Protein backbone atom coordinates (compact mmCIF):
# COMPACT_ATOMS: atom_id res chain seq x y z
CA MET A 1 127.37 269.43 122.41
CA THR A 2 126.68 273.22 122.90
CA GLU A 3 125.88 273.81 119.40
CA GLN A 4 123.06 271.20 119.00
CA THR A 5 121.05 272.38 122.39
CA ARG A 6 118.85 275.04 122.19
CA GLN A 7 119.33 278.35 123.97
CA ARG A 8 116.89 278.75 126.95
CA PRO A 9 115.23 282.10 126.82
CA GLN A 10 116.13 284.56 129.52
CA TYR A 11 113.13 285.85 131.29
CA THR A 12 113.30 288.96 133.36
CA SER A 13 109.76 288.99 134.83
CA LEU A 14 106.75 287.07 135.44
CA ASN A 15 104.95 288.95 132.63
CA GLU A 16 107.33 287.57 130.11
CA ILE A 17 106.79 283.87 131.55
CA GLN A 18 103.06 284.37 131.51
CA GLN A 19 103.30 285.35 127.65
CA ARG A 20 105.50 282.68 126.79
CA LYS A 21 103.31 280.00 128.60
CA ALA A 22 100.22 281.61 126.66
CA GLU A 23 101.98 281.59 123.52
CA LEU A 24 102.99 277.83 123.97
CA LEU A 25 99.41 276.90 125.01
CA LYS A 26 98.09 278.35 121.98
CA GLU A 27 100.48 276.56 119.63
CA ILE A 28 99.68 273.02 121.50
CA ARG A 29 96.12 273.60 120.99
CA LYS A 30 96.49 274.64 117.22
CA ASP A 31 98.41 271.53 117.08
CA SER A 32 96.30 269.47 118.77
CA LYS A 33 93.49 270.42 116.49
CA GLU A 34 95.44 269.40 113.36
CA MET A 35 96.05 266.18 114.63
CA ASN A 36 92.66 265.69 115.79
CA THR A 37 91.65 266.46 111.99
CA LEU A 38 94.03 264.21 110.63
CA TRP A 39 93.47 261.12 112.96
CA HIS A 40 89.69 261.46 112.22
CA GLY A 41 90.57 261.64 108.24
CA LEU A 42 92.05 258.26 108.89
CA PHE A 43 89.19 256.47 109.86
CA ASN A 44 86.05 258.15 108.53
CA LYS A 45 84.82 257.85 105.10
CA PRO A 46 84.50 261.26 103.36
CA VAL A 47 81.11 262.64 102.80
CA ALA A 48 79.06 261.91 99.63
CA LYS A 49 78.98 265.29 97.52
CA GLY A 50 75.80 264.11 95.65
CA ARG A 51 72.67 262.59 96.66
CA LYS A 52 72.67 258.99 95.73
CA GLY A 53 68.95 259.15 94.75
CA LEU A 54 69.60 261.40 91.98
CA SER A 55 72.79 259.74 90.43
CA VAL A 56 72.27 257.81 87.25
CA SER A 57 73.69 254.82 88.99
CA GLY A 58 71.10 255.26 91.80
CA ILE A 59 68.20 255.40 89.45
CA VAL A 60 69.45 252.43 87.69
CA ASN A 61 70.08 250.46 90.84
CA THR A 62 66.65 251.31 92.20
CA GLY A 63 64.85 250.34 88.77
CA ALA A 64 66.56 247.12 88.85
CA GLY A 65 65.25 246.52 92.51
CA VAL A 66 61.89 247.28 91.57
CA VAL A 67 61.93 244.90 88.46
CA ASP A 68 63.54 242.27 90.34
CA GLY A 69 61.09 242.41 92.91
CA MET A 70 58.00 242.71 90.34
CA LEU A 71 59.23 239.18 88.95
CA PHE A 72 59.81 237.83 92.19
CA ALA A 73 55.80 238.76 92.77
CA TRP A 74 54.94 237.30 89.45
CA LYS A 75 56.77 233.80 90.16
CA LEU A 76 55.30 233.65 93.48
CA TYR A 77 51.48 234.45 92.08
CA ARG A 78 51.94 231.79 89.43
CA LYS A 79 52.95 229.24 91.95
CA LEU A 80 50.54 229.68 94.37
CA LYS A 81 47.77 230.12 92.12
CA LYS A 82 47.51 226.22 91.29
């Protein structure tokens, strides 16, 4: 059982205890920041690198929407003209 347990450090002054406390706090903050990054990475969508309006698929999609709107307006015009 003594092989499995970690040996506790022997402190001889309050200064050593304060230094160890500061080291542990620094490690805890680093781990917390890393966990926070990983947690938000699970649920947030990755940010798109390109702008949608400038991509080819964006232009085609917008153009198809415009044509569809024009056809719809033309059908309404013909139907209401009578």
